[in-house]
Amino acid sequence: MNRAYKFRIMPNSEQRIMFAKTFGCVRFIYNRMLADKIKHYEETKQKLNNTPAQYKKEFDWLKEVDSLALANAQKNLQTAYNNFFRSPKVGFPKFKSKKSNHRSYTTNCVNGNIKLENGYLTLPKVGKIKVKQHRNIPLDYKLKSVTVSQTPSGKYYASILFCLLYTSDAADEL
């Protein structure tokens, strides 16, 4: 069972800059990969399987941000692309606008790279961020991913996804 908790985060000025870079890179990689998929399909009538790593040689600044955020952008694009080919009435994936107020990215917890402890959230490439943690997380929950978002008013939030670890007692009851 998955459960998400949304907390307000208070990044410092350096962290705000890193969030802005990450939001921009995620949007850029989504749009660039979509454009390449469209071009490849028009030329060959076949689907293109591209990855963010292929673009890091050409665009060196993509290395500055969390690679899992870029991988999640690839996953989202691939899902939208496959949904279109499965059912065209869903609509073709759209390019992400720079002027849109929707700024967010998702990163996954791998080998404990994300931690929520003592009122701080630790994120890759960003570091420790102060969190307004208004509720406690049960000990039997394991952190899976974090989606960082910014509202049009400039407030930052972290939606933290947890999964319930099944203990032997809980498994026996099932």
Protein backbone atom coordinates (compact mmCIF):
# COMPACT_ATOMS: atom_id res chain seq x y z
CA MET A 1 0.00 0.00 0.00
CA ASN A 2 1.35 3.41 -0.97
CA ARG A 3 0.71 6.65 0.87
CA ALA A 4 1.89 10.17 0.06
CA TYR A 5 2.39 13.07 2.45
CA LYS A 6 2.79 16.63 1.22
CA PHE A 7 4.96 18.98 3.26
CA ARG A 8 6.00 22.59 2.78
CA ILE A 9 9.74 22.94 2.33
CA MET A 10 11.90 26.00 2.94
CA PRO A 11 14.88 25.97 0.55
CA ASN A 12 17.70 28.49 0.86
CA SER A 13 18.73 30.63 -2.12
CA GLU A 14 21.24 28.07 -3.48
CA GLN A 15 18.64 25.31 -3.25
CA ARG A 16 16.08 27.49 -5.03
CA ILE A 17 18.56 27.92 -7.88
CA MET A 18 19.11 24.15 -8.03
CA PHE A 19 15.34 23.57 -8.10
CA ALA A 20 14.96 26.08 -10.95
CA LYS A 21 17.74 24.34 -12.89
CA THR A 22 16.15 20.94 -12.31
CA PHE A 23 12.67 22.12 -13.35
CA GLY A 24 14.18 23.57 -16.53
CA CYS A 25 16.29 20.51 -17.34
CA VAL A 26 13.35 18.14 -16.83
CA ARG A 27 11.20 20.25 -19.16
CA PHE A 28 14.05 20.52 -21.69
CA ILE A 29 14.80 16.79 -21.77
CA TYR A 30 11.09 15.94 -22.14
CA ASN A 31 10.70 18.37 -25.05
CA ARG A 32 13.97 17.38 -26.75
CA MET A 33 13.22 13.68 -26.51
CA LEU A 34 9.68 14.25 -27.82
CA ALA A 35 11.00 16.26 -30.79
CA ASP A 36 13.51 13.51 -31.60
CA LYS A 37 10.80 10.83 -31.33
CA ILE A 38 8.58 12.78 -33.74
CA LYS A 39 11.43 13.34 -36.22
CA HIS A 40 12.50 9.69 -36.09
CA TYR A 41 8.94 8.47 -36.57
CA GLU A 42 8.38 10.76 -39.58
CA GLU A 43 11.57 9.46 -41.22
CA THR A 44 11.34 5.74 -40.43
CA LYS A 45 7.76 5.09 -39.22
CA GLN A 46 9.28 3.35 -36.16
CA LYS A 47 9.39 4.28 -32.48
CA LEU A 48 12.62 5.72 -31.08
CA ASN A 49 13.89 4.57 -27.67
CA ASN A 50 16.11 7.41 -26.48
CA THR A 51 17.48 8.13 -22.99
CA PRO A 52 18.60 11.28 -21.16
CA ALA A 53 22.17 9.91 -21.02
CA GLN A 54 22.44 10.33 -24.80
CA TYR A 55 21.94 14.09 -24.44
CA LYS A 56 24.49 14.67 -21.65
CA LYS A 57 27.40 14.65 -24.12
CA GLU A 58 25.85 17.42 -26.19
CA PHE A 59 24.37 19.38 -23.28
CA ASP A 60 26.94 19.28 -20.49
CA TRP A 61 24.73 21.28 -18.09
CA LEU A 62 22.34 18.30 -17.79
CA LYS A 63 24.95 16.68 -15.52
CA GLU A 64 24.36 19.37 -12.86
CA VAL A 65 20.91 18.05 -11.91
CA ASP A 66 19.63 14.79 -10.45
CA SER A 67 19.77 12.05 -13.08
CA LEU A 68 16.73 10.28 -11.61
CA ALA A 69 14.65 13.39 -12.24
CA LEU A 70 15.62 13.21 -15.91
CA ALA A 71 14.91 9.47 -15.97
CA ASN A 72 11.41 10.12 -14.59
CA ALA A 73 10.81 12.68 -17.35
CA GLN A 74 11.81 9.98 -19.86
CA LYS A 75 9.43 7.51 -18.19
CA ASN A 76 6.55 10.02 -18.29
CA LEU A 77 7.18 10.75 -21.97
CA GLN A 78 7.40 7.06 -22.85
CA THR A 79 4.09 6.40 -21.07
CA ALA A 80 2.36 9.25 -22.92
CA TYR A 81 3.86 8.14 -26.24
CA ASN A 82 2.82 4.50 -25.77
CA ASN A 83 -0.67 5.55 -24.65
CA PHE A 84 -1.11 7.48 -27.89
CA PHE A 85 -0.13 4.52 -30.05
CA ARG A 86 -2.33 2.17 -28.03
CA SER A 87 -5.33 4.52 -28.17
CA PRO A 88 -5.01 7.60 -30.46
CA LYS A 89 -8.07 9.27 -28.91
CA VAL A 90 -5.89 9.86 -25.81
CA GLY A 91 -4.05 12.49 -27.84
CA PHE A 92 -0.43 12.95 -28.85
CA PRO A 93 2.04 14.03 -26.11
CA LYS A 94 2.35 17.81 -25.92
CA PHE A 95 5.47 19.89 -25.46
CA LYS A 96 5.97 21.40 -22.00
CA SER A 97 5.74 25.20 -21.96
CA LYS A 98 8.37 27.37 -20.31
CA LYS A 99 5.63 29.85 -19.40
CA SER A 100 3.51 27.26 -17.59
CA ASN A 101 3.03 27.68 -13.86
CA HIS A 102 3.45 23.95 -13.33
CA ARG A 103 7.00 23.40 -12.08
CA SER A 104 7.81 20.00 -10.60
CA TYR A 105 10.07 17.01 -10.79
CA THR A 106 10.14 13.55 -9.24
CA THR A 107 13.17 11.70 -7.93
CA ASN A 108 13.36 8.16 -6.62
CA CYS A 109 14.94 6.82 -3.46
CA VAL A 110 17.89 4.62 -4.39
CA ASN A 111 20.26 3.26 -1.74
CA GLY A 112 19.00 5.73 0.86
CA ASN A 113 19.85 8.88 -1.13
CA ILE A 114 16.65 10.55 0.16
CA LYS A 115 16.01 10.92 3.88
CA LEU A 116 13.35 12.59 6.02
CA GLU A 117 14.61 13.05 9.57
CA ASN A 118 14.67 15.67 12.32
CA GLY A 119 12.65 18.22 10.33
CA TYR A 120 14.93 18.04 7.28
CA LEU A 121 14.54 16.39 3.87
CA THR A 122 17.76 15.33 2.16
CA LEU A 123 17.58 15.27 -1.65
CA PRO A 124 20.26 14.34 -4.20
CA LYS A 125 22.23 17.31 -5.60
CA VAL A 126 20.26 19.68 -3.33
CA GLY A 127 21.19 18.65 0.22
CA LYS A 128 19.24 19.18 3.43
CA ILE A 129 16.08 21.28 3.22
CA LYS A 130 14.02 22.48 6.17
CA VAL A 131 10.57 20.84 6.21
CA LYS A 132 7.38 21.86 8.02
CA GLN A 133 6.56 18.32 9.07
CA HIS A 134 3.05 18.54 10.48
CA ARG A 135 2.65 14.80 11.01
CA ASN A 136 4.83 11.87 11.92
CA ILE A 137 5.52 9.07 9.52
CA PRO A 138 4.93 5.55 10.88
CA LEU A 139 8.09 3.50 11.35
CA ASP A 140 6.83 0.70 9.09
CA TYR A 141 6.75 3.01 6.05
CA LYS A 142 9.60 3.04 3.55
CA LEU A 143 10.36 6.15 1.48
CA LYS A 144 10.02 5.50 -2.28
CA SER A 145 10.08 8.86 -4.10
CA VAL A 146 9.73 12.62 -3.71
CA THR A 147 8.02 15.08 -6.03
CA VAL A 148 9.21 18.65 -5.53
CA SER A 149 6.88 21.35 -6.82
CA GLN A 150 6.69 25.12 -6.85
CA THR A 151 3.41 27.04 -6.79
CA PRO A 152 2.88 30.22 -8.81
CA SER A 153 3.19 32.19 -5.56
CA GLY A 154 6.73 30.84 -5.10
CA LYS A 155 6.10 28.32 -2.30
CA TYR A 156 7.83 24.96 -2.48
CA TYR A 157 6.31 21.62 -1.53
CA ALA A 158 7.56 18.05 -1.34
CA SER A 159 5.11 15.22 -1.88
CA ILE A 160 6.78 12.19 -0.35
CA LEU A 161 5.61 8.73 -1.39
CA PHE A 162 5.93 5.90 1.11
CA CYS A 163 5.10 2.22 0.87
CA LEU A 164 4.02 0.10 3.79
CA LEU A 165 6.53 -2.55 4.73
CA TYR A 166 4.78 -5.77 5.51
CA THR A 167 5.94 -7.27 8.74
CA SER A 168 5.65 -10.96 9.48
CA ASP A 169 2.71 -10.22 11.83
CA ALA A 170 0.82 -8.36 9.11
CA ALA A 171 1.53 -11.12 6.57
CA ASP A 172 0.18 -13.75 8.98
CA GLU A 173 -3.10 -11.86 9.32
CA LEU A 174 -3.61 -11.84 5.55
